[in-house]
């Protein structure tokens, strides 16, 4: 089932869209606004980003020659670094938050069959079954067992979509990378929407309030 059957974060970066529609609307209020709205009008995805975080050029993020599948209708990356660089989005763990937003189009039957566990495991082996499979697969490749720690696992609901919100850490010590992931299904439009914010553990803890604000703001509105 494509995205929903993958467990590697880098797999999320193997697609690109020919055209990207990102609309940024500055929040009204006194003084300098802290956040802005980001949306994919054609897919109905809306969320907030800190105003200083920058949209990255997909052509520089995605490896040359990689072509999007027709099932990917929207893919965008954003960098929270003071000096944004597409290379940050290709790192296993960046020193500043990197955001990936993706809309994945399914068939009506696929959308109806998607489970919360499939959403949980979209970017990492979260469930016990997925971790067991990951252990077997990595052992077959001569790789050590993946060190994954689940921090948060909760249901996520918006008016038009439902799914899960998970936060998990991969690795240990200074190499620990923390992922804040929202995955939802809009069964009416047969679309899976994902938002993933990641960075090194120290970065996540320092900017946790901003990262959590981004995740909480994620919603779907039919275009």
N, C-alpha and C. Protein backbone atom coordinates (compact mmCIF):
# COMPACT_ATOMS: atom_id res chain seq x y z
N UNK A 1 0.83 -1.20 0.00
CA UNK A 1 0.00 0.00 0.00
C UNK A 1 0.86 1.25 0.00
N UNK A 2 2.12 1.14 -0.52
CA UNK A 2 2.94 2.33 -0.65
C UNK A 2 3.34 2.88 0.70
N UNK A 3 3.09 4.19 0.92
CA UNK A 3 3.52 4.88 2.12
C UNK A 3 3.12 4.16 3.39
N UNK A 4 1.90 3.65 3.45
CA UNK A 4 1.42 3.06 4.69
C UNK A 4 2.11 1.74 5.00
N UNK A 5 2.84 1.18 4.06
CA UNK A 5 3.54 -0.05 4.34
C UNK A 5 5.02 0.17 4.61
N UNK A 6 5.51 1.43 4.60
CA UNK A 6 6.93 1.71 4.77
C UNK A 6 7.22 2.11 6.19
N UNK A 7 8.47 1.87 6.63
CA UNK A 7 8.83 2.23 7.99
C UNK A 7 10.04 3.14 8.06
N UNK A 8 10.68 3.48 6.96
CA UNK A 8 11.89 4.28 6.99
C UNK A 8 11.59 5.74 6.73
N UNK A 9 12.18 6.62 7.54
CA UNK A 9 11.94 8.06 7.36
C UNK A 9 12.41 8.53 5.99
N UNK A 10 13.53 8.01 5.51
CA UNK A 10 14.03 8.46 4.22
C UNK A 10 13.09 8.10 3.09
N UNK A 11 12.26 7.08 3.28
CA UNK A 11 11.31 6.73 2.24
C UNK A 11 10.31 7.83 2.00
N UNK A 12 10.10 8.67 3.00
CA UNK A 12 9.16 9.77 2.86
C UNK A 12 9.68 10.85 1.94
N UNK A 13 10.98 10.76 1.64
CA UNK A 13 11.60 11.81 0.84
C UNK A 13 11.84 11.38 -0.59
N UNK A 14 11.27 10.26 -1.00
CA UNK A 14 11.54 9.71 -2.32
C UNK A 14 10.47 10.09 -3.33
N UNK A 15 9.71 11.11 -3.03
CA UNK A 15 8.68 11.55 -3.97
C UNK A 15 8.71 13.06 -4.07
N UNK A 16 8.26 13.58 -5.18
CA UNK A 16 8.22 15.02 -5.40
C UNK A 16 7.02 15.33 -6.26
N UNK A 17 6.42 16.47 -6.07
CA UNK A 17 5.31 16.87 -6.90
C UNK A 17 5.78 17.89 -7.92
N UNK A 18 5.15 17.90 -9.09
CA UNK A 18 5.54 18.81 -10.15
C UNK A 18 5.26 20.26 -9.77
N UNK A 19 4.16 20.47 -9.09
CA UNK A 19 3.81 21.82 -8.66
C UNK A 19 3.40 21.78 -7.20
N UNK A 20 3.84 22.77 -6.45
CA UNK A 20 3.55 22.84 -5.02
C UNK A 20 2.81 24.13 -4.74
N UNK A 21 1.64 24.00 -4.10
CA UNK A 21 0.86 25.18 -3.75
C UNK A 21 0.88 25.34 -2.26
N UNK A 22 1.67 26.26 -1.78
CA UNK A 22 1.76 26.54 -0.36
C UNK A 22 1.35 27.98 -0.13
N UNK A 23 0.30 28.17 0.63
CA UNK A 23 -0.18 29.52 0.91
C UNK A 23 0.15 29.87 2.34
N UNK A 24 0.85 30.98 2.55
CA UNK A 24 1.20 31.43 3.89
C UNK A 24 0.41 32.69 4.21
N UNK A 25 -0.34 32.65 5.31
CA UNK A 25 -1.14 33.79 5.72
C UNK A 25 -0.69 34.20 7.11
N UNK A 26 -0.24 35.42 7.26
CA UNK A 26 0.26 35.88 8.54
C UNK A 26 -0.89 36.09 9.50
N UNK A 27 -0.72 35.59 10.74
CA UNK A 27 -1.76 35.75 11.74
C UNK A 27 -1.91 37.22 12.10
N UNK A 28 -3.15 37.64 12.28
CA UNK A 28 -3.40 39.02 12.65
C UNK A 28 -3.09 39.25 14.12
N UNK A 29 -2.75 40.47 14.47
CA UNK A 29 -2.49 40.79 15.86
C UNK A 29 -1.51 41.92 15.98
N UNK A 30 -1.23 42.32 17.19
CA UNK A 30 -0.33 43.43 17.43
C UNK A 30 1.12 42.93 17.41
N UNK A 31 2.03 43.78 16.98
CA UNK A 31 3.43 43.42 16.96
C UNK A 31 3.74 42.40 15.89
N UNK A 32 4.93 41.82 15.98
CA UNK A 32 5.35 40.84 14.99
C UNK A 32 4.67 39.51 15.26
N UNK A 33 3.99 38.94 14.28
CA UNK A 33 3.32 37.65 14.49
C UNK A 33 4.34 36.54 14.70
N UNK A 34 3.98 35.57 15.52
CA UNK A 34 4.89 34.47 15.84
C UNK A 34 4.74 33.32 14.87
N UNK A 35 3.50 33.07 14.42
CA UNK A 35 3.23 31.95 13.53
C UNK A 35 2.55 32.42 12.25
N UNK A 36 2.60 31.56 11.25
CA UNK A 36 1.87 31.78 10.00
C UNK A 36 1.16 30.49 9.63
N UNK A 37 0.11 30.62 8.86
CA UNK A 37 -0.60 29.45 8.36
C UNK A 37 0.09 28.93 7.10
N UNK A 38 0.17 27.63 6.99
CA UNK A 38 0.64 26.96 5.78
C UNK A 38 -0.46 26.03 5.34
N UNK A 39 -0.73 25.98 4.04
CA UNK A 39 -1.81 25.11 3.58
C UNK A 39 -1.52 24.55 2.20
N UNK A 40 -2.19 23.47 1.91
CA UNK A 40 -2.24 22.91 0.57
C UNK A 40 -3.69 23.03 0.12
N UNK A 41 -4.05 24.12 -0.54
CA UNK A 41 -5.46 24.36 -0.85
C UNK A 41 -6.14 23.23 -1.61
N UNK A 42 -5.40 22.55 -2.49
CA UNK A 42 -6.02 21.48 -3.27
C UNK A 42 -6.32 20.24 -2.45
N UNK A 43 -5.64 20.09 -1.30
CA UNK A 43 -5.82 18.90 -0.48
C UNK A 43 -6.46 19.19 0.86
N UNK A 44 -6.62 20.46 1.20
CA UNK A 44 -7.33 20.83 2.42
C UNK A 44 -6.51 20.77 3.69
N UNK A 45 -5.20 20.57 3.59
CA UNK A 45 -4.35 20.50 4.77
C UNK A 45 -3.99 21.91 5.23
N UNK A 46 -4.09 22.13 6.55
CA UNK A 46 -3.75 23.43 7.12
C UNK A 46 -3.02 23.20 8.44
N UNK A 47 -1.94 23.95 8.66
CA UNK A 47 -1.27 23.91 9.96
C UNK A 47 -0.47 25.20 10.16
N UNK A 48 -0.03 25.41 11.38
CA UNK A 48 0.76 26.59 11.72
C UNK A 48 2.24 26.25 11.73
N UNK A 49 3.06 27.24 11.34
CA UNK A 49 4.50 27.13 11.47
C UNK A 49 5.04 28.40 12.11
N UNK A 50 6.08 28.29 12.91
CA UNK A 50 6.76 29.50 13.37
C UNK A 50 7.15 30.35 12.16
N UNK A 51 6.95 31.61 12.28
CA UNK A 51 7.16 32.52 11.15
C UNK A 51 8.57 32.44 10.57
N UNK A 52 9.55 32.15 11.42
CA UNK A 52 10.93 32.13 10.97
C UNK A 52 11.32 30.86 10.23
N UNK A 53 10.48 29.82 10.31
CA UNK A 53 10.81 28.58 9.63
C UNK A 53 10.55 28.73 8.14
N UNK A 54 11.46 28.21 7.32
CA UNK A 54 11.48 28.51 5.89
C UNK A 54 11.11 27.32 5.02
N UNK A 55 10.36 27.59 3.96
CA UNK A 55 10.03 26.56 2.98
C UNK A 55 11.28 26.20 2.18
N UNK A 56 11.50 24.91 1.98
CA UNK A 56 12.65 24.44 1.21
C UNK A 56 12.26 24.12 -0.22
N UNK A 57 13.21 24.28 -1.12
CA UNK A 57 13.02 23.97 -2.53
C UNK A 57 13.04 22.45 -2.70
N UNK A 58 11.90 21.88 -3.13
CA UNK A 58 11.81 20.43 -3.27
C UNK A 58 12.84 19.87 -4.24
N UNK A 59 13.14 20.62 -5.27
CA UNK A 59 14.10 20.14 -6.26
C UNK A 59 15.48 19.94 -5.65
N UNK A 60 15.76 20.65 -4.55
CA UNK A 60 17.04 20.51 -3.88
C UNK A 60 16.99 19.46 -2.77
N UNK A 61 15.80 19.18 -2.27
CA UNK A 61 15.65 18.18 -1.21
C UNK A 61 15.64 16.77 -1.78
N UNK A 62 14.89 16.58 -2.85
CA UNK A 62 14.72 15.25 -3.44
C UNK A 62 15.89 14.92 -4.36
N UNK A 63 16.45 13.71 -4.26
CA UNK A 63 17.56 13.33 -5.14
C UNK A 63 17.20 13.48 -6.61
N UNK A 64 18.17 13.91 -7.39
CA UNK A 64 17.95 14.10 -8.83
C UNK A 64 17.50 12.80 -9.46
N UNK A 65 16.50 12.90 -10.33
CA UNK A 65 16.01 11.74 -11.05
C UNK A 65 14.85 11.05 -10.36
N UNK A 66 14.59 11.38 -9.12
CA UNK A 66 13.44 10.78 -8.43
C UNK A 66 12.17 11.44 -8.92
N UNK A 67 11.20 10.64 -9.26
CA UNK A 67 9.94 11.15 -9.79
C UNK A 67 8.81 10.79 -8.83
N UNK A 68 7.84 11.67 -8.68
CA UNK A 68 6.74 11.38 -7.76
C UNK A 68 5.80 10.34 -8.32
N UNK A 69 5.24 9.54 -7.44
CA UNK A 69 4.17 8.67 -7.85
C UNK A 69 2.89 9.48 -7.93
N UNK A 70 1.97 9.06 -8.73
CA UNK A 70 0.73 9.81 -8.87
C UNK A 70 -0.05 9.87 -7.56
N UNK A 71 0.26 8.94 -6.65
CA UNK A 71 -0.47 8.91 -5.39
C UNK A 71 -0.07 10.05 -4.45
N UNK A 72 1.09 10.67 -4.70
CA UNK A 72 1.52 11.79 -3.87
C UNK A 72 1.00 13.09 -4.48
N UNK A 73 0.03 13.70 -3.82
CA UNK A 73 -0.56 14.92 -4.38
C UNK A 73 0.04 16.18 -3.78
N UNK A 74 0.72 16.05 -2.63
CA UNK A 74 1.38 17.22 -2.03
C UNK A 74 2.52 16.77 -1.15
N UNK A 75 3.64 17.44 -1.29
CA UNK A 75 4.81 17.15 -0.48
C UNK A 75 5.57 18.45 -0.26
N UNK A 76 5.86 18.77 0.98
CA UNK A 76 6.55 20.02 1.29
C UNK A 76 7.48 19.82 2.47
N UNK A 77 8.60 20.57 2.46
CA UNK A 77 9.56 20.54 3.54
C UNK A 77 9.81 21.96 4.04
N UNK A 78 10.04 22.08 5.34
CA UNK A 78 10.32 23.37 5.95
C UNK A 78 11.47 23.20 6.94
N UNK A 79 12.29 24.24 7.05
CA UNK A 79 13.50 24.18 7.87
C UNK A 79 13.43 25.25 8.96
N UNK A 80 13.68 24.83 10.22
CA UNK A 80 13.66 25.76 11.33
C UNK A 80 15.02 26.38 11.64
N UNK A 81 16.02 26.11 10.82
CA UNK A 81 17.36 26.65 11.06
C UNK A 81 17.44 28.13 10.68
N UNK A 82 18.35 28.85 11.33
CA UNK A 82 18.55 30.25 10.98
C UNK A 82 19.09 30.38 9.57
N UNK A 83 19.86 29.40 9.16
CA UNK A 83 20.38 29.35 7.79
C UNK A 83 19.81 28.09 7.14
N UNK A 84 18.62 28.17 6.58
CA UNK A 84 17.97 26.98 6.02
C UNK A 84 18.77 26.39 4.87
N UNK A 85 18.73 25.07 4.79
CA UNK A 85 19.49 24.35 3.76
C UNK A 85 18.75 23.06 3.46
N UNK A 86 18.57 22.77 2.18
CA UNK A 86 17.88 21.54 1.78
C UNK A 86 18.58 20.30 2.33
N UNK A 87 19.88 20.39 2.57
CA UNK A 87 20.62 19.24 3.09
C UNK A 87 20.10 18.82 4.47
N UNK A 88 19.55 19.77 5.23
CA UNK A 88 19.02 19.43 6.55
C UNK A 88 17.88 18.42 6.46
N UNK A 89 17.07 18.53 5.42
CA UNK A 89 15.93 17.63 5.26
C UNK A 89 16.36 16.23 4.86
N UNK A 90 17.61 16.08 4.42
CA UNK A 90 18.11 14.76 4.04
C UNK A 90 18.88 14.09 5.17
N UNK A 91 19.07 14.82 6.27
CA UNK A 91 19.81 14.26 7.40
C UNK A 91 18.94 13.32 8.21
N UNK A 92 19.57 12.33 8.82
CA UNK A 92 18.85 11.46 9.73
C UNK A 92 18.42 12.22 10.97
N UNK A 93 19.19 13.25 11.35
CA UNK A 93 18.82 14.10 12.48
C UNK A 93 19.46 15.46 12.33
N UNK A 94 18.66 16.50 12.17
CA UNK A 94 19.18 17.85 12.01
C UNK A 94 19.24 18.55 13.36
N UNK A 95 20.06 19.57 13.44
CA UNK A 95 20.24 20.32 14.68
C UNK A 95 19.11 21.30 14.93
N UNK A 96 18.25 21.50 13.93
CA UNK A 96 17.07 22.35 14.04
C UNK A 96 15.88 21.60 13.45
N UNK A 97 14.66 21.99 13.83
CA UNK A 97 13.49 21.24 13.35
C UNK A 97 13.36 21.24 11.84
N UNK A 98 13.06 20.08 11.30
CA UNK A 98 12.72 19.91 9.89
C UNK A 98 11.29 19.38 9.83
N UNK A 99 10.47 19.98 9.00
CA UNK A 99 9.06 19.60 8.88
C UNK A 99 8.82 19.00 7.51
N UNK A 100 8.12 17.88 7.47
CA UNK A 100 7.66 17.31 6.22
C UNK A 100 6.15 17.18 6.27
N UNK A 101 5.47 17.67 5.24
CA UNK A 101 4.02 17.51 5.11
C UNK A 101 3.76 16.77 3.81
N UNK A 102 2.87 15.77 3.87
CA UNK A 102 2.61 14.96 2.69
C UNK A 102 1.15 14.54 2.64
N UNK A 103 0.58 14.58 1.46
CA UNK A 103 -0.75 14.02 1.22
C UNK A 103 -0.61 12.88 0.23
N UNK A 104 -1.18 11.75 0.61
CA UNK A 104 -1.03 10.51 -0.15
C UNK A 104 -2.43 10.03 -0.53
N UNK A 105 -2.71 9.92 -1.81
CA UNK A 105 -4.04 9.56 -2.29
C UNK A 105 -4.18 8.04 -2.40
N UNK A 106 -5.25 7.52 -1.81
CA UNK A 106 -5.53 6.09 -1.82
C UNK A 106 -6.78 5.81 -2.63
N UNK A 107 -7.04 4.54 -2.86
CA UNK A 107 -8.33 4.18 -3.42
C UNK A 107 -9.35 4.21 -2.29
N UNK A 108 -10.62 4.23 -2.64
CA UNK A 108 -11.66 4.25 -1.61
C UNK A 108 -11.56 3.01 -0.71
N UNK A 109 -11.28 1.87 -1.32
CA UNK A 109 -11.16 0.63 -0.54
C UNK A 109 -9.96 0.68 0.40
N UNK A 110 -8.82 1.20 -0.09
CA UNK A 110 -7.64 1.31 0.76
C UNK A 110 -7.90 2.25 1.93
N UNK A 111 -8.52 3.39 1.64
CA UNK A 111 -8.79 4.36 2.70
C UNK A 111 -9.70 3.77 3.76
N UNK A 112 -10.68 3.00 3.32
CA UNK A 112 -11.61 2.39 4.27
C UNK A 112 -10.92 1.36 5.14
N UNK A 113 -9.85 0.75 4.64
CA UNK A 113 -9.19 -0.34 5.35
C UNK A 113 -8.03 0.11 6.23
N UNK A 114 -7.61 1.36 6.10
CA UNK A 114 -6.46 1.84 6.86
C UNK A 114 -6.75 1.79 8.36
N UNK A 115 -5.79 1.29 9.12
CA UNK A 115 -5.94 1.19 10.57
C UNK A 115 -5.04 2.22 11.26
N UNK A 116 -5.33 2.46 12.53
CA UNK A 116 -4.48 3.37 13.30
C UNK A 116 -3.05 2.85 13.39
N UNK A 117 -2.88 1.54 13.47
CA UNK A 117 -1.53 1.00 13.56
C UNK A 117 -0.74 1.25 12.28
N UNK A 118 -1.40 1.19 11.13
CA UNK A 118 -0.70 1.51 9.88
C UNK A 118 -0.26 2.97 9.88
N UNK A 119 -1.08 3.85 10.40
CA UNK A 119 -0.69 5.25 10.51
C UNK A 119 0.47 5.42 11.49
N UNK A 120 0.43 4.70 12.61
CA UNK A 120 1.52 4.77 13.58
C UNK A 120 2.85 4.36 12.97
N UNK A 121 2.81 3.30 12.17
CA UNK A 121 4.04 2.71 11.63
C UNK A 121 4.49 3.31 10.31
N UNK A 122 3.87 4.38 9.88
CA UNK A 122 4.17 4.94 8.56
C UNK A 122 5.62 5.40 8.44
N UNK A 123 6.22 5.90 9.52
CA UNK A 123 7.57 6.44 9.45
C UNK A 123 8.53 5.80 10.47
N UNK A 124 8.05 4.81 11.18
CA UNK A 124 8.90 4.12 12.13
C UNK A 124 8.15 2.94 12.71
N UNK A 125 8.86 1.88 13.12
CA UNK A 125 8.19 0.70 13.68
C UNK A 125 7.73 0.96 15.11
N UNK A 126 6.52 1.46 15.27
CA UNK A 126 6.02 1.87 16.57
C UNK A 126 5.39 0.71 17.34
N UNK A 127 4.55 -0.05 16.69
CA UNK A 127 3.84 -1.13 17.38
C UNK A 127 4.77 -2.33 17.61
N UNK A 128 4.35 -3.21 18.52
CA UNK A 128 5.16 -4.38 18.85
C UNK A 128 5.40 -5.25 17.61
N UNK A 129 4.36 -5.46 16.81
CA UNK A 129 4.52 -6.28 15.60
C UNK A 129 5.51 -5.64 14.63
N UNK A 130 5.41 -4.33 14.45
CA UNK A 130 6.32 -3.64 13.53
C UNK A 130 7.75 -3.69 14.04
N UNK A 131 7.94 -3.58 15.35
CA UNK A 131 9.28 -3.65 15.92
C UNK A 131 9.88 -5.05 15.74
N UNK A 132 9.04 -6.07 15.91
CA UNK A 132 9.52 -7.44 15.71
C UNK A 132 9.95 -7.66 14.27
N UNK A 133 9.17 -7.16 13.33
CA UNK A 133 9.52 -7.28 11.92
C UNK A 133 10.79 -6.51 11.60
N UNK A 134 10.92 -5.32 12.20
CA UNK A 134 12.12 -4.51 11.99
C UNK A 134 13.36 -5.23 12.52
N UNK A 135 13.23 -5.87 13.67
CA UNK A 135 14.36 -6.60 14.26
C UNK A 135 14.82 -7.72 13.34
N UNK A 136 13.86 -8.47 12.78
CA UNK A 136 14.20 -9.58 11.87
C UNK A 136 14.86 -9.04 10.61
N UNK A 137 14.28 -7.99 10.05
CA UNK A 137 14.79 -7.41 8.81
C UNK A 137 16.20 -6.86 8.99
N UNK A 138 16.43 -6.14 10.08
CA UNK A 138 17.74 -5.56 10.31
C UNK A 138 18.79 -6.65 10.59
N UNK A 139 18.38 -7.69 11.31
CA UNK A 139 19.31 -8.78 11.58
C UNK A 139 19.73 -9.46 10.28
N UNK A 140 18.77 -9.62 9.35
CA UNK A 140 19.07 -10.24 8.06
C UNK A 140 20.07 -9.40 7.25
N UNK A 141 20.06 -8.10 7.52
CA UNK A 141 20.98 -7.20 6.81
C UNK A 141 22.27 -6.96 7.58
N UNK A 142 22.40 -7.65 8.72
CA UNK A 142 23.60 -7.48 9.53
C UNK A 142 23.61 -6.18 10.30
N UNK A 143 22.43 -5.60 10.55
CA UNK A 143 22.33 -4.33 11.25
C UNK A 143 21.90 -4.55 12.69
N UNK A 144 22.33 -3.68 13.60
CA UNK A 144 21.90 -3.83 15.00
C UNK A 144 20.42 -3.48 15.15
N UNK A 145 19.84 -3.93 16.23
CA UNK A 145 18.43 -3.64 16.49
C UNK A 145 18.21 -2.13 16.61
N UNK A 146 17.15 -1.64 16.02
CA UNK A 146 16.84 -0.22 16.08
C UNK A 146 16.45 0.17 17.50
N UNK A 147 17.10 1.19 18.00
CA UNK A 147 16.79 1.69 19.34
C UNK A 147 15.68 2.73 19.22
N UNK A 148 14.44 2.32 19.50
CA UNK A 148 13.29 3.21 19.38
C UNK A 148 12.55 3.30 20.70
N UNK A 149 12.28 4.52 21.13
CA UNK A 149 11.58 4.76 22.39
C UNK A 149 10.31 5.57 22.12
N UNK A 150 9.17 5.02 22.49
CA UNK A 150 7.89 5.71 22.27
C UNK A 150 7.65 6.70 23.41
N UNK A 151 7.41 7.94 23.06
CA UNK A 151 7.21 9.01 24.04
C UNK A 151 5.73 9.34 24.21
N UNK A 152 5.00 9.36 23.10
CA UNK A 152 3.57 9.71 23.16
C UNK A 152 2.83 8.94 22.09
N UNK A 153 1.64 8.48 22.43
CA UNK A 153 0.79 7.78 21.46
C UNK A 153 -0.65 8.11 21.82
N UNK A 154 -1.31 8.88 20.97
CA UNK A 154 -2.67 9.31 21.26
C UNK A 154 -3.49 9.42 19.99
N UNK A 155 -4.79 9.37 20.17
CA UNK A 155 -5.69 9.56 19.04
C UNK A 155 -5.67 11.03 18.61
N UNK A 156 -5.89 11.25 17.33
CA UNK A 156 -5.92 12.61 16.80
C UNK A 156 -7.18 12.77 15.98
N UNK A 157 -7.96 13.79 16.29
CA UNK A 157 -9.21 14.01 15.58
C UNK A 157 -9.31 15.46 15.12
N UNK A 158 -9.75 15.63 13.90
CA UNK A 158 -10.18 16.94 13.44
C UNK A 158 -11.58 16.75 12.86
N UNK A 159 -12.17 17.82 12.39
CA UNK A 159 -13.57 17.74 11.97
C UNK A 159 -13.77 16.77 10.81
N UNK A 160 -12.78 16.64 9.94
CA UNK A 160 -12.96 15.85 8.72
C UNK A 160 -12.04 14.62 8.64
N UNK A 161 -11.12 14.49 9.57
CA UNK A 161 -10.17 13.38 9.48
C UNK A 161 -9.87 12.86 10.89
N UNK A 162 -9.40 11.64 10.94
CA UNK A 162 -9.04 11.03 12.22
C UNK A 162 -7.81 10.16 12.04
N UNK A 163 -7.07 10.01 13.12
CA UNK A 163 -5.87 9.21 13.05
C UNK A 163 -5.13 9.19 14.36
N UNK A 164 -3.80 9.31 14.30
CA UNK A 164 -2.98 9.19 15.50
C UNK A 164 -1.91 10.26 15.54
N UNK A 165 -1.45 10.53 16.75
CA UNK A 165 -0.33 11.44 16.99
C UNK A 165 0.67 10.68 17.84
N UNK A 166 1.87 10.46 17.29
CA UNK A 166 2.90 9.74 18.03
C UNK A 166 4.17 10.57 18.07
N UNK A 167 4.86 10.47 19.19
CA UNK A 167 6.18 11.08 19.33
C UNK A 167 7.12 9.95 19.74
N UNK A 168 8.23 9.81 19.03
CA UNK A 168 9.14 8.72 19.34
C UNK A 168 10.58 9.15 19.09
N UNK A 169 11.49 8.50 19.81
CA UNK A 169 12.92 8.79 19.68
C UNK A 169 13.62 7.58 19.06
N UNK A 170 14.57 7.85 18.19
CA UNK A 170 15.37 6.81 17.56
C UNK A 170 16.83 7.09 17.88
N UNK A 171 17.55 6.07 18.37
CA UNK A 171 18.94 6.26 18.74
C UNK A 171 19.07 6.60 20.22
N UNK A 172 20.30 6.88 20.63
CA UNK A 172 20.56 7.16 22.02
C UNK A 172 21.58 8.28 22.15
N UNK A 173 21.61 8.89 23.34
CA UNK A 173 22.61 9.91 23.62
C UNK A 173 22.56 11.08 22.67
N UNK A 174 23.73 11.57 22.27
CA UNK A 174 23.81 12.73 21.39
C UNK A 174 23.25 12.46 20.00
N UNK A 175 23.16 11.19 19.63
CA UNK A 175 22.66 10.83 18.30
C UNK A 175 21.14 10.62 18.28
N UNK A 176 20.48 10.77 19.42
CA UNK A 176 19.04 10.55 19.48
C UNK A 176 18.30 11.56 18.61
N UNK A 177 17.37 11.06 17.81
CA UNK A 177 16.52 11.92 16.97
C UNK A 177 15.08 11.71 17.42
N UNK A 178 14.35 12.81 17.61
CA UNK A 178 12.97 12.71 18.04
C UNK A 178 12.05 13.13 16.91
N UNK A 179 11.01 12.34 16.70
CA UNK A 179 10.03 12.57 15.64
C UNK A 179 8.66 12.84 16.27
N UNK A 180 8.02 13.91 15.84
CA UNK A 180 6.65 14.22 16.24
C UNK A 180 5.79 14.05 14.99
N UNK A 181 4.97 13.03 14.99
CA UNK A 181 4.27 12.60 13.76
C UNK A 181 2.76 12.58 13.94
N UNK A 182 2.08 13.22 13.01
CA UNK A 182 0.62 13.14 12.93
C UNK A 182 0.26 12.44 11.62
N UNK A 183 -0.61 11.45 11.71
CA UNK A 183 -1.08 10.76 10.51
C UNK A 183 -2.58 10.59 10.58
N UNK A 184 -3.28 11.09 9.58
CA UNK A 184 -4.74 11.01 9.60
C UNK A 184 -5.27 10.53 8.25
N UNK A 185 -6.48 10.01 8.29
CA UNK A 185 -7.17 9.58 7.08
C UNK A 185 -8.45 10.40 6.92
N UNK A 186 -8.63 10.93 5.74
CA UNK A 186 -9.90 11.54 5.35
C UNK A 186 -10.59 10.53 4.44
N UNK A 187 -11.53 9.80 5.00
CA UNK A 187 -12.13 8.70 4.24
C UNK A 187 -13.06 9.21 3.13
N UNK A 188 -13.53 10.43 3.26
CA UNK A 188 -14.40 10.98 2.22
C UNK A 188 -13.62 11.24 0.94
N UNK A 189 -12.42 11.80 1.08
CA UNK A 189 -11.59 12.09 -0.10
C UNK A 189 -10.60 10.96 -0.39
N UNK A 190 -10.55 9.95 0.48
CA UNK A 190 -9.62 8.81 0.34
C UNK A 190 -8.17 9.31 0.30
N UNK A 191 -7.82 10.15 1.28
CA UNK A 191 -6.47 10.67 1.35
C UNK A 191 -5.88 10.44 2.74
N UNK A 192 -4.60 10.12 2.75
CA UNK A 192 -3.84 10.05 4.00
C UNK A 192 -2.97 11.29 4.08
N UNK A 193 -3.04 11.98 5.20
CA UNK A 193 -2.27 13.20 5.40
C UNK A 193 -1.28 12.97 6.54
N UNK A 194 -0.03 13.38 6.32
CA UNK A 194 1.00 13.23 7.33
C UNK A 194 1.73 14.54 7.59
N UNK A 195 2.08 14.73 8.84
CA UNK A 195 2.95 15.84 9.25
C UNK A 195 4.00 15.26 10.18
N UNK A 196 5.28 15.46 9.86
CA UNK A 196 6.35 14.94 10.70
C UNK A 196 7.36 16.06 10.96
N UNK A 197 7.62 16.30 12.23
CA UNK A 197 8.64 17.26 12.63
C UNK A 197 9.74 16.48 13.34
N UNK A 198 10.98 16.69 12.94
CA UNK A 198 12.07 15.93 13.55
C UNK A 198 13.29 16.80 13.76
N UNK A 199 14.08 16.42 14.76
CA UNK A 199 15.39 17.01 14.98
C UNK A 199 16.09 16.24 16.09
N UNK A 200 17.34 16.56 16.35
CA UNK A 200 18.08 15.90 17.41
C UNK A 200 17.40 16.12 18.77
N UNK A 201 17.67 15.22 19.71
CA UNK A 201 16.99 15.27 20.99
C UNK A 201 17.13 16.60 21.72
N UNK A 202 18.34 17.17 21.74
CA UNK A 202 18.54 18.45 22.42
C UNK A 202 17.73 19.55 21.75
N UNK A 203 17.66 19.51 20.44
CA UNK A 203 16.86 20.48 19.68
C UNK A 203 15.39 20.33 20.03
N UNK A 204 14.91 19.11 20.07
CA UNK A 204 13.49 18.88 20.36
C UNK A 204 13.13 19.42 21.74
N UNK A 205 13.96 19.13 22.71
CA UNK A 205 13.65 19.59 24.07
C UNK A 205 13.70 21.11 24.19
N UNK A 206 14.61 21.74 23.45
CA UNK A 206 14.71 23.19 23.50
C UNK A 206 13.55 23.88 22.80
N UNK A 207 13.01 23.22 21.76
CA UNK A 207 11.96 23.84 20.94
C UNK A 207 10.65 23.06 21.01
N UNK A 208 10.47 22.34 22.09
CA UNK A 208 9.31 21.46 22.21
C UNK A 208 8.00 22.22 22.13
N UNK A 209 7.93 23.40 22.73
CA UNK A 209 6.69 24.17 22.71
C UNK A 209 6.29 24.52 21.28
N UNK A 210 7.24 24.94 20.47
CA UNK A 210 6.95 25.27 19.07
C UNK A 210 6.54 24.03 18.29
N UNK A 211 7.27 22.95 18.49
CA UNK A 211 6.96 21.72 17.75
C UNK A 211 5.57 21.20 18.11
N UNK A 212 5.24 21.23 19.40
CA UNK A 212 3.92 20.77 19.82
C UNK A 212 2.82 21.68 19.27
N UNK A 213 3.09 22.98 19.18
CA UNK A 213 2.10 23.90 18.62
C UNK A 213 1.82 23.58 17.16
N UNK A 214 2.86 23.22 16.41
CA UNK A 214 2.69 22.84 15.01
C UNK A 214 1.82 21.59 14.91
N UNK A 215 2.13 20.57 15.71
CA UNK A 215 1.37 19.32 15.66
C UNK A 215 -0.09 19.53 16.06
N UNK A 216 -0.34 20.32 17.11
CA UNK A 216 -1.71 20.55 17.57
C UNK A 216 -2.54 21.31 16.53
N UNK A 217 -1.88 22.13 15.73
CA UNK A 217 -2.62 22.96 14.76
C UNK A 217 -3.05 22.20 13.52
N UNK A 218 -2.47 21.03 13.28
CA UNK A 218 -2.71 20.29 12.05
C UNK A 218 -4.17 19.92 11.90
N UNK A 219 -4.75 20.24 10.76
CA UNK A 219 -6.16 19.92 10.53
C UNK A 219 -6.40 19.75 9.03
N UNK A 220 -7.60 19.27 8.71
CA UNK A 220 -7.98 19.05 7.32
C UNK A 220 -9.31 19.75 7.07
N UNK A 221 -9.35 20.51 5.98
CA UNK A 221 -10.58 21.17 5.55
C UNK A 221 -10.78 20.86 4.08
N UNK A 222 -11.95 20.38 3.72
CA UNK A 222 -12.17 20.03 2.32
C UNK A 222 -12.05 21.27 1.44
N UNK A 223 -11.24 21.18 0.37
CA UNK A 223 -11.10 22.33 -0.53
C UNK A 223 -12.38 22.64 -1.28
